[in-house]
PDB file of N, CA and C in Angstrom:
ATOM      1  N   MET A   1       0.411  -1.235  -0.291  1.00  0.00           N
ATOM      2  CA  MET A   1      -0.254  -0.064  -0.180  1.00  0.00           C
ATOM      3  C   MET A   1       1.216   1.257  -0.203  1.00  0.00           C
ATOM      4  N   MET A   2       2.056   1.452   0.033  1.00  0.00           N
ATOM      5  CA  MET A   2       3.117   2.647   0.340  1.00  0.00           C
ATOM      6  C   MET A   2       3.949   2.421  -0.044  1.00  0.00           C
ATOM      7  N   GLN A   3       3.392   3.005  -2.263  1.00  0.00           N
ATOM      8  CA  GLN A   3       4.560   2.727  -2.871  1.00  0.00           C
ATOM      9  C   GLN A   3       4.408   4.433  -3.019  1.00  0.00           C
ATOM     10  N   LEU A   4       5.151   4.621  -3.958  1.00  0.00           N
ATOM     11  CA  LEU A   4       6.086   5.975  -4.556  1.00  0.00           C
ATOM     12  C   LEU A   4       4.662   6.196  -4.856  1.00  0.00           C
ATOM     13  N   GLY A   5       4.839   7.919  -4.368  1.00  0.00           N
ATOM     14  CA  GLY A   5       3.988   9.086  -5.200  1.00  0.00           C
ATOM     15  C   GLY A   5       2.511   8.897  -4.516  1.00  0.00           C
ATOM     16  N   ARG A   6       2.260   8.090  -3.455  1.00  0.00           N
ATOM     17  CA  ARG A   6       0.987   7.436  -2.070  1.00  0.00           C
ATOM     18  C   ARG A   6       1.266   8.619  -2.018  1.00  0.00           C
ATOM     19  N   VAL A   7      -0.242  10.082  -2.266  1.00  0.00           N
ATOM     20  CA  VAL A   7      -0.176  11.284  -0.819  1.00  0.00           C
ATOM     21  C   VAL A   7      -1.837  10.652   0.443  1.00  0.00           C
ATOM     22  N   CYS A   8      -0.316  11.062   1.115  1.00  0.00           N
ATOM     23  CA  CYS A   8      -0.918  10.521   2.593  1.00  0.00           C
ATOM     24  C   CYS A   8      -1.549  11.329   4.170  1.00  0.00           C
ATOM     25  N   LEU A   9      -1.726  11.291   4.484  1.00  0.00           N
ATOM     26  CA  LEU A   9      -1.915  12.428   5.874  1.00  0.00           C
ATOM     27  C   LEU A   9      -1.387  11.665   7.322  1.00  0.00           C
ATOM     28  N   LYS A  10      -0.710  12.524   7.622  1.00  0.00           N
ATOM     29  CA  LYS A  10       0.058  11.851   8.779  1.00  0.00           C
ATOM     30  C   LYS A  10      -1.016  12.051  10.095  1.00  0.00           C
ATOM     31  N   ILE A  11      -0.524  11.064  10.741  1.00  0.00           N
ATOM     32  CA  ILE A  11      -1.894  10.672  11.713  1.00  0.00           C
ATOM     33  C   ILE A  11      -0.947  10.808  13.247  1.00  0.00           C
ATOM     34  N   ALA A  12       0.620  10.848  13.172  1.00  0.00           N
ATOM     35  CA  ALA A  12       1.274  11.309  14.716  1.00  0.00           C
ATOM     36  C   ALA A  12       1.985  12.117  14.929  1.00  0.00           C
ATOM     37  N   GLY A  13       2.467  12.135  15.739  1.00  0.00           N
ATOM     38  CA  GLY A  13       3.821  13.301  15.677  1.00  0.00           C
ATOM     39  C   GLY A  13       3.102  14.693  15.893  1.00  0.00           C
ATOM     40  N   ARG A  14       4.404  15.887  16.164  1.00  0.00           N
ATOM     41  CA  ARG A  14       3.815  17.150  15.724  1.00  0.00           C
ATOM     42  C   ARG A  14       3.358  17.780  14.710  1.00  0.00           C
ATOM     43  N   ASP A  15       2.828  16.399  12.943  1.00  0.00           N
ATOM     44  CA  ASP A  15       2.743  17.011  12.144  1.00  0.00           C
ATOM     45  C   ASP A  15       2.227  16.112  11.880  1.00  0.00           C
ATOM     46  N   ALA A  16       1.205  16.267  12.534  1.00  0.00           N
ATOM     47  CA  ALA A  16      -0.112  15.703  12.815  1.00  0.00           C
ATOM     48  C   ALA A  16      -1.455  16.008  11.791  1.00  0.00           C
ATOM     49  N   GLY A  17      -2.157  15.697  10.818  1.00  0.00           N
ATOM     50  CA  GLY A  17      -3.406  16.428  10.092  1.00  0.00           C
ATOM     51  C   GLY A  17      -2.791  16.766   8.918  1.00  0.00           C
ATOM     52  N   GLN A  18      -1.422  16.897   8.773  1.00  0.00           N
ATOM     53  CA  GLN A  18      -0.758  17.099   7.463  1.00  0.00           C
ATOM     54  C   GLN A  18      -0.158  16.445   6.441  1.00  0.00           C
ATOM     55  N   HIS A  19      -0.913  16.546   5.304  1.00  0.00           N
ATOM     56  CA  HIS A  19      -0.773  15.683   3.823  1.00  0.00           C
ATOM     57  C   HIS A  19       0.931  15.961   3.777  1.00  0.00           C
ATOM     58  N   GLU A  20       1.227  14.394   3.144  1.00  0.00           N
ATOM     59  CA  GLU A  20       2.114  14.461   2.682  1.00  0.00           C
ATOM     60  C   GLU A  20       2.261  13.324   0.925  1.00  0.00           C
ATOM     61  N   VAL A  21       3.779  13.012   0.573  1.00  0.00           N
ATOM     62  CA  VAL A  21       3.825  12.180  -0.488  1.00  0.00           C
ATOM     63  C   VAL A  21       5.292  11.231   0.199  1.00  0.00           C
ATOM     64  N   ILE A  22       5.091  10.500  -0.701  1.00  0.00           N
ATOM     65  CA  ILE A  22       5.827   9.454   0.052  1.00  0.00           C
ATOM     66  C   ILE A  22       7.255   9.593  -2.107  1.00  0.00           C
ATOM     67  N   ILE A  23       7.884  10.066  -1.815  1.00  0.00           N
ATOM     68  CA  ILE A  23       8.938   9.868  -2.166  1.00  0.00           C
ATOM     69  C   ILE A  23      10.320   9.025  -1.956  1.00  0.00           C
ATOM     70  N   GLY A  24       9.663   7.852  -1.099  1.00  0.00           N
ATOM     71  CA  GLY A  24      11.207   7.303  -1.088  1.00  0.00           C
ATOM     72  C   GLY A  24      10.575   6.406  -0.199  1.00  0.00           C
ATOM     73  N   VAL A  25      10.763   5.102   0.150  1.00  0.00           N
ATOM     74  CA  VAL A  25      10.414   4.111   0.259  1.00  0.00           C
ATOM     75  C   VAL A  25      11.320   2.668   0.545  1.00  0.00           C
ATOM     76  N   ALA A  26      11.491   2.342   2.149  1.00  0.00           N
ATOM     77  CA  ALA A  26      12.879   1.811   2.553  1.00  0.00           C
ATOM     78  C   ALA A  26      12.469   0.244   2.795  1.00  0.00           C
ATOM     79  N   ASP A  27      13.604  -0.243   3.761  1.00  0.00           N
ATOM     80  CA  ASP A  27      12.646  -1.961   4.646  1.00  0.00           C
ATOM     81  C   ASP A  27      11.245  -0.999   5.449  1.00  0.00           C
ATOM     82  N   LYS A  28      11.835  -0.463   6.977  1.00  0.00           N
ATOM     83  CA  LYS A  28      10.600  -0.145   7.283  1.00  0.00           C
ATOM     84  C   LYS A  28      10.375   1.285   7.337  1.00  0.00           C
ATOM     85  N   MET A  29      10.056   2.390   6.521  1.00  0.00           N
ATOM     86  CA  MET A  29      10.699   3.696   6.807  1.00  0.00           C
ATOM     87  C   MET A  29      10.165   4.224   5.815  1.00  0.00           C
ATOM     88  N   VAL A  30      10.308   5.247   5.123  1.00  0.00           N
ATOM     89  CA  VAL A  30       9.165   5.480   3.826  1.00  0.00           C
ATOM     90  C   VAL A  30      10.147   7.306   4.045  1.00  0.00           C
ATOM     91  N   LEU A  31      10.344   8.047   3.517  1.00  0.00           N
ATOM     92  CA  LEU A  31      11.503   9.558   2.766  1.00  0.00           C
ATOM     93  C   LEU A  31       9.358  10.211   2.720  1.00  0.00           C
ATOM     94  N   VAL A  32       9.208  10.757   3.414  1.00  0.00           N
ATOM     95  CA  VAL A  32       7.943  11.612   2.777  1.00  0.00           C
ATOM     96  C   VAL A  32       8.435  13.504   2.874  1.00  0.00           C
ATOM     97  N   ASP A  33       7.602  14.495   2.169  1.00  0.00           N
ATOM     98  CA  ASP A  33       7.821  15.694   1.841  1.00  0.00           C
ATOM     99  C   ASP A  33       6.183  16.428   1.975  1.00  0.00           C
ATOM    100  N   GLY A  34       6.221  17.416   1.882  1.00  0.00           N
ATOM    101  CA  GLY A  34       4.889  18.298   1.950  1.00  0.00           C
ATOM    102  C   GLY A  34       4.121  19.603   1.652  1.00  0.00           C
ATOM    103  N   GLN A  35       3.404  19.357   3.484  1.00  0.00           N
ATOM    104  CA  GLN A  35       3.610  19.827   3.530  1.00  0.00           C
ATOM    105  C   GLN A  35       3.600  20.063   5.535  1.00  0.00           C
ATOM    106  N   VAL A  36       5.073  18.554   5.390  1.00  0.00           N
ATOM    107  CA  VAL A  36       6.027  18.432   6.492  1.00  0.00           C
ATOM    108  C   VAL A  36       6.828  19.175   6.201  1.00  0.00           C
ATOM    109  N   ARG A  37       7.966  18.270   6.928  1.00  0.00           N
ATOM    110  CA  ARG A  37       9.394  17.957   7.090  1.00  0.00           C
ATOM    111  C   ARG A  37      10.139  17.035   6.066  1.00  0.00           C
ATOM    112  N   ARG A  38      11.127  17.372   5.605  1.00  0.00           N
ATOM    113  CA  ARG A  38      11.180  16.438   4.328  1.00  0.00           C
ATOM    114  C   ARG A  38      11.780  15.105   5.579  1.00  0.00           C
ATOM    115  N   ARG A  39      11.201  14.454   5.796  1.00  0.00           N
ATOM    116  CA  ARG A  39      12.216  13.650   7.145  1.00  0.00           C
ATOM    117  C   ARG A  39      11.904  12.370   6.641  1.00  0.00           C
ATOM    118  N   LYS A  40      12.528  10.795   7.201  1.00  0.00           N
ATOM    119  CA  LYS A  40      11.419   9.114   7.123  1.00  0.00           C
ATOM    120  C   LYS A  40      10.848   9.084   8.265  1.00  0.00           C
ATOM    121  N   CYS A  41       9.599   8.111   7.932  1.00  0.00           N
ATOM    122  CA  CYS A  41       8.739   8.487   8.682  1.00  0.00           C
ATOM    123  C   CYS A  41       8.256   7.187   9.140  1.00  0.00           C
ATOM    124  N   ASN A  42       7.572   6.274  10.117  1.00  0.00           N
ATOM    125  CA  ASN A  42       7.011   5.225  10.248  1.00  0.00           C
ATOM    126  C   ASN A  42       5.522   4.882   9.352  1.00  0.00           C
ATOM    127  N   PRO A  43       5.312   3.635   8.638  1.00  0.00           N
ATOM    128  CA  PRO A  43       3.773   3.493   8.033  1.00  0.00           C
ATOM    129  C   PRO A  43       2.778   4.240   8.521  1.00  0.00           C
ATOM    130  N   HIS A  44       3.192   3.196  10.059  1.00  0.00           N
ATOM    131  CA  HIS A  44       1.940   3.319  11.132  1.00  0.00           C
ATOM    132  C   HIS A  44       1.211   4.622  11.482  1.00  0.00           C
ATOM    133  N   HIS A  45       1.907   5.367  11.006  1.00  0.00           N
ATOM    134  CA  HIS A  45       2.152   6.971  11.436  1.00  0.00           C
ATOM    135  C   HIS A  45       1.680   7.326  10.424  1.00  0.00           C
ATOM    136  N   LEU A  46       0.825   7.486   9.477  1.00  0.00           N
ATOM    137  CA  LEU A  46       0.430   7.783   7.900  1.00  0.00           C
ATOM    138  C   LEU A  46      -0.653   6.902   7.491  1.00  0.00           C
ATOM    139  N   GLU A  47      -1.318   7.277   7.662  1.00  0.00           N
ATOM    140  CA  GLU A  47      -3.059   6.784   6.752  1.00  0.00           C
ATOM    141  C   GLU A  47      -3.448   7.628   5.190  1.00  0.00           C
ATOM    142  N   PRO A  48      -2.666   6.414   4.191  1.00  0.00           N
ATOM    143  CA  PRO A  48      -3.022   6.565   2.916  1.00  0.00           C
ATOM    144  C   PRO A  48      -3.862   7.108   2.361  1.00  0.00           C
ATOM    145  N   LEU A  49      -3.526   7.882   1.724  1.00  0.00           N
ATOM    146  CA  LEU A  49      -5.479   8.625   0.170  1.00  0.00           C
ATOM    147  C   LEU A  49      -5.501   7.796  -0.901  1.00  0.00           C
ATOM    148  N   ALA A  50      -6.437   8.100  -1.226  1.00  0.00           N
ATOM    149  CA  ALA A  50      -7.085   7.212  -2.295  1.00  0.00           C
ATOM    150  C   ALA A  50      -5.692   7.975  -3.580  1.00  0.00           C
ATOM    151  N   GLN A  51      -5.244   9.317  -3.211  1.00  0.00           N
ATOM    152  CA  GLN A  51      -4.684  10.221  -4.990  1.00  0.00           C
ATOM    153  C   GLN A  51      -3.357  10.176  -4.830  1.00  0.00           C
ATOM    154  N   THR A  52      -2.885   9.910  -5.834  1.00  0.00           N
ATOM    155  CA  THR A  52      -1.506   9.488  -5.965  1.00  0.00           C
ATOM    156  C   THR A  52      -0.504  10.585  -7.408  1.00  0.00           C
ATOM    157  N   VAL A  53       0.073  10.914  -6.865  1.00  0.00           N
ATOM    158  CA  VAL A  53       0.812  12.059  -7.612  1.00  0.00           C
ATOM    159  C   VAL A  53       2.325  10.656  -8.329  1.00  0.00           C
ATOM    160  N   ASP A  54       2.351  11.577  -9.499  1.00  0.00           N
ATOM    161  CA  ASP A  54       3.355  10.758 -10.706  1.00  0.00           C
ATOM    162  C   ASP A  54       4.320  11.722  -9.920  1.00  0.00           C
ATOM    163  N   ILE A  55       5.603  11.195  -9.846  1.00  0.00           N
ATOM    164  CA  ILE A  55       6.402  11.975  -9.382  1.00  0.00           C
ATOM    165  C   ILE A  55       7.540  10.972  -9.236  1.00  0.00           C
ATOM    166  N   VAL A  56       8.706  11.564  -9.514  1.00  0.00           N
ATOM    167  CA  VAL A  56      10.213  10.643  -8.790  1.00  0.00           C
ATOM    168  C   VAL A  56      10.519  10.000  -7.330  1.00  0.00           C
ATOM    169  N   GLU A  57      12.017   8.924  -7.390  1.00  0.00           N
ATOM    170  CA  GLU A  57      11.587   9.148  -6.349  1.00  0.00           C
ATOM    171  C   GLU A  57      13.144  10.189  -5.450  1.00  0.00           C
ATOM    172  N   ASN A  58      13.467  10.114  -5.103  1.00  0.00           N
ATOM    173  CA  ASN A  58      13.987  11.230  -4.413  1.00  0.00           C
ATOM    174  C   ASN A  58      13.275  12.860  -4.834  1.00  0.00           C
ATOM    175  N   ALA A  59      12.308  12.880  -5.291  1.00  0.00           N
ATOM    176  CA  ALA A  59      12.028  14.696  -6.008  1.00  0.00           C
ATOM    177  C   ALA A  59      12.511  15.639  -4.506  1.00  0.00           C
ATOM    178  N   SER A  60      12.649  16.346  -5.449  1.00  0.00           N
ATOM    179  CA  SER A  60      13.137  17.963  -4.665  1.00  0.00           C
ATOM    180  C   SER A  60      10.844  18.649  -3.983  1.00  0.00           C
ATOM    181  N   HIS A  61      11.785  18.956  -3.438  1.00  0.00           N
ATOM    182  CA  HIS A  61      10.484  19.421  -2.192  1.00  0.00           C
ATOM    183  C   HIS A  61       9.632  20.503  -3.319  1.00  0.00           C
ATOM    184  N   GLU A  62      10.202  21.141  -4.884  1.00  0.00           N
ATOM    185  CA  GLU A  62       9.732  22.409  -5.502  1.00  0.00           C
ATOM    186  C   GLU A  62       8.312  21.159  -5.746  1.00  0.00           C
ATOM    187  N   GLN A  63       8.967  19.447  -6.185  1.00  0.00           N
ATOM    188  CA  GLN A  63       7.860  19.085  -7.146  1.00  0.00           C
ATOM    189  C   GLN A  63       7.274  18.155  -6.543  1.00  0.00           C
ATOM    190  N   VAL A  64       7.359  18.469  -5.009  1.00  0.00           N
ATOM    191  CA  VAL A  64       5.855  17.846  -4.169  1.00  0.00           C
ATOM    192  C   VAL A  64       5.416  18.980  -4.107  1.00  0.00           C
ATOM    193  N   VAL A  65       5.520  20.081  -3.725  1.00  0.00           N
ATOM    194  CA  VAL A  65       4.673  21.095  -4.187  1.00  0.00           C
ATOM    195  C   VAL A  65       4.660  21.004  -5.557  1.00  0.00           C
ATOM    196  N   ALA A  66       4.150  21.522  -6.333  1.00  0.00           N
ATOM    197  CA  ALA A  66       3.553  21.435  -7.837  1.00  0.00           C
ATOM    198  C   ALA A  66       2.701  20.169  -7.012  1.00  0.00           C
ATOM    199  N   ALA A  67       3.125  19.158  -7.315  1.00  0.00           N
ATOM    200  CA  ALA A  67       2.296  17.965  -7.180  1.00  0.00           C
ATOM    201  C   ALA A  67       0.848  17.806  -6.627  1.00  0.00           C
ATOM    202  N   LEU A  68       0.749  18.880  -5.298  1.00  0.00           N
ATOM    203  CA  LEU A  68       0.482  18.917  -4.353  1.00  0.00           C
ATOM    204  C   LEU A  68      -1.094  19.860  -4.779  1.00  0.00           C
ATOM    205  N   GLN A  69      -0.225  21.089  -5.492  1.00  0.00           N
ATOM    206  CA  GLN A  69      -1.368  22.187  -5.537  1.00  0.00           C
ATOM    207  C   GLN A  69      -1.262  21.221  -6.765  1.00  0.00           C
ATOM    208  N   GLY A  70      -1.517  20.608  -7.506  1.00  0.00           N
ATOM    209  CA  GLY A  70      -2.071  20.228  -8.286  1.00  0.00           C
ATOM    210  C   GLY A  70      -3.472  19.163  -8.521  1.00  0.00           C
ATOM    211  N   LEU A  71      -3.420  18.449  -6.978  1.00  0.00           N
ATOM    212  CA  LEU A  71      -4.137  18.294  -6.789  1.00  0.00           C
ATOM    213  C   LEU A  71      -5.654  18.927  -5.893  1.00  0.00           C
ATOM    214  N   GLY A  72      -5.256  20.454  -5.583  1.00  0.00           N
ATOM    215  CA  GLY A  72      -5.925  21.249  -4.705  1.00  0.00           C
ATOM    216  C   GLY A  72      -5.246  21.230  -3.846  1.00  0.00           C
ATOM    217  N   ILE A  73      -3.864  21.065  -3.145  1.00  0.00           N
ATOM    218  CA  ILE A  73      -4.188  20.445  -1.711  1.00  0.00           C
ATOM    219  C   ILE A  73      -2.367  21.115  -2.053  1.00  0.00           C
ATOM    220  N   ALA A  74      -3.058  22.758  -0.563  1.00  0.00           N
ATOM    221  CA  ALA A  74      -2.331  23.644  -0.898  1.00  0.00           C
ATOM    222  C   ALA A  74      -1.022  23.717   0.115  1.00  0.00           C
ATOM    223  N   VAL A  75       0.016  24.195   0.162  1.00  0.00           N
ATOM    224  CA  VAL A  75       1.853  23.798   1.143  1.00  0.00           C
ATOM    225  C   VAL A  75       1.613  25.325   0.674  1.00  0.00           C
ATOM    226  N   VAL A  76       1.700  25.229   2.675  1.00  0.00           N
ATOM    227  CA  VAL A  76       2.915  27.354   3.105  1.00  0.00           C
ATOM    228  C   VAL A  76       4.174  26.539   2.876  1.00  0.00           C
ATOM    229  N   GLU A  77       4.732  28.200   2.520  1.00  0.00           N
ATOM    230  CA  GLU A  77       6.165  28.132   1.855  1.00  0.00           C
ATOM    231  C   GLU A  77       6.622  27.772   3.740  1.00  0.00           C
ATOM    232  N   ARG A  78       8.048  27.538   3.743  1.00  0.00           N
ATOM    233  CA  ARG A  78       8.517  27.133   5.105  1.00  0.00           C
ATOM    234  C   ARG A  78       9.351  28.948   4.646  1.00  0.00           C
ATOM    235  N   LYS A  79       9.996  28.659   6.143  1.00  0.00           N
ATOM    236  CA  LYS A  79      11.157  30.458   6.337  1.00  0.00           C
ATOM    237  C   LYS A  79      12.349  29.766   6.428  1.00  0.00           C
ATOM    238  N   PRO A  80      12.890  30.016   5.129  1.00  0.00           N
ATOM    239  CA  PRO A  80      14.146  30.778   5.339  1.00  0.00           C
ATOM    240  C   PRO A  80      15.005  30.468   6.277  1.00  0.00           C
ATOM    241  N   LYS A  81      16.186  28.895   6.491  1.00  0.00           N
ATOM    242  CA  LYS A  81      17.179  29.356   7.415  1.00  0.00           C
ATOM    243  C   LYS A  81      17.079  30.262   7.691  1.00  0.00           C
ATOM    244  N   LEU A  82      17.673  31.080   8.817  1.00  0.00           N
ATOM    245  CA  LEU A  82      18.724  32.300   9.556  1.00  0.00           C
ATOM    246  C   LEU A  82      19.884  31.507  10.268  1.00  0.00           C
ATOM    247  N   LYS A  83      21.264  32.213   8.774  1.00  0.00           N
ATOM    248  CA  LYS A  83      22.254  32.995   8.614  1.00  0.00           C
ATOM    249  C   LYS A  83      22.693  32.631  10.708  1.00  0.00           C
ATOM    250  N   LYS A  84      23.819  31.858  11.232  1.00  0.00           N
ATOM    251  CA  LYS A  84      23.595  32.388  12.758  1.00  0.00           C
ATOM    252  C   LYS A  84      24.411  33.412  12.134  1.00  0.00           C
ATOM    253  N   ALA A  85      24.531  33.965  13.704  1.00  0.00           N
ATOM    254  CA  ALA A  85      25.168  35.130  13.401  1.00  0.00           C
ATOM    255  C   ALA A  85      26.241  35.493  13.855  1.00  0.00           C
ATOM    256  N   GLU A  86      27.279  36.359  13.967  1.00  0.00           N
ATOM    257  CA  GLU A  86      28.833  35.886  14.126  1.00  0.00           C
ATOM    258  C   GLU A  86      29.209  36.356  15.168  1.00  0.00           C
ATOM    259  N   PRO A  87      30.064  35.941  15.892  1.00  0.00           N
ATOM    260  CA  PRO A  87      30.002  36.481  17.913  1.00  0.00           C
ATOM    261  C   PRO A  87      31.098  38.284  17.916  1.00  0.00           C
ATOM    262  N   VAL A  88      29.854  38.929  18.325  1.00  0.00           N
ATOM    263  CA  VAL A  88      30.932  39.998  18.313  1.00  0.00           C
ATOM    264  C   VAL A  88      32.565  40.199  20.196  1.00  0.00           C
ATOM    265  N   VAL A  89      33.544  40.698  18.985  1.00  0.00           N
ATOM    266  CA  VAL A  89      34.434  41.506  19.266  1.00  0.00           C
ATOM    267  C   VAL A  89      34.709  42.116  20.072  1.00  0.00           C
ATOM    268  N   GLU A  90      34.947  41.927  21.525  1.00  0.00           N
ATOM    269  CA  GLU A  90      35.394  43.885  21.521  1.00  0.00           C
ATOM    270  C   GLU A  90      36.859  43.467  21.485  1.00  0.00           C
ATOM    271  N   SER A  91      36.596  44.905  21.307  1.00  0.00           N
ATOM    272  CA  SER A  91      37.847  45.635  21.555  1.00  0.00           C
ATOM    273  C   SER A  91      38.507  45.697  22.246  1.00  0.00           C
ATOM    274  N   SER A  92      39.289  45.759  22.405  1.00  0.00           N
ATOM    275  CA  SER A  92      41.453  46.010  23.334  1.00  0.00           C
ATOM    276  C   SER A  92      40.955  47.665  24.408  1.00  0.00           C
ATOM    277  N   ALA A  93      40.303  48.384  23.354  1.00  0.00           N
ATOM    278  CA  ALA A  93      40.127  49.631  24.314  1.00  0.00           C
ATOM    279  C   ALA A  93      39.560  49.666  25.898  1.00  0.00           C
ATOM    280  N   LYS A  94      38.145  49.012  24.544  1.00  0.00           N
ATOM    281  CA  LYS A  94      37.172  48.649  25.832  1.00  0.00           C
ATOM    282  C   LYS A  94      37.084  47.573  27.176  1.00  0.00           C
ATOM    283  N   LYS A  95      38.598  47.156  26.681  1.00  0.00           N
ATOM    284  CA  LYS A  95      38.674  46.059  28.518  1.00  0.00           C
ATOM    285  C   LYS A  95      39.671  46.130  29.268  1.00  0.00           C
ATOM    286  N   SER A  96      40.704  47.208  28.417  1.00  0.00           N
ATOM    287  CA  SER A  96      41.558  47.911  29.628  1.00  0.00           C
ATOM    288  C   SER A  96      40.703  49.320  29.698  1.00  0.00           C
ATOM    289  N   LYS A  97      39.930  49.630  30.881  1.00  0.00           N
ATOM    290  CA  LYS A  97      39.378  50.522  31.577  1.00  0.00           C
ATOM    291  C   LYS A  97      38.586  50.385  31.766  1.00  0.00           C
ATOM    292  N   LYS A  98      38.346  48.800  31.883  1.00  0.00           N
ATOM    293  CA  LYS A  98      38.189  48.021  33.897  1.00  0.00           C
ATOM    294  C   LYS A  98      39.266  48.689  34.706  1.00  0.00           C
TER     295      LYS A  98
END
């Protein structure tokens, strides 16, 4: 039942209630992406839906979003990762005033 391109609903965990597409199948885990973060997932935490999409294995996030939007499932874009701020280095003049 868990096959490449199957649209599923996450039923457990922090992403419960979100739609996702299976983009990879391993022995006991599946790789999912969509309204959730791209990650490995236990198939017992998924409810497969009747819909499937034509998608290649390990498809990019943009391809998954386009496939879900074709089915009428809206995907909110993720926030870009913030760059780490560089540490502020105190000048030697400020240290000597103590």
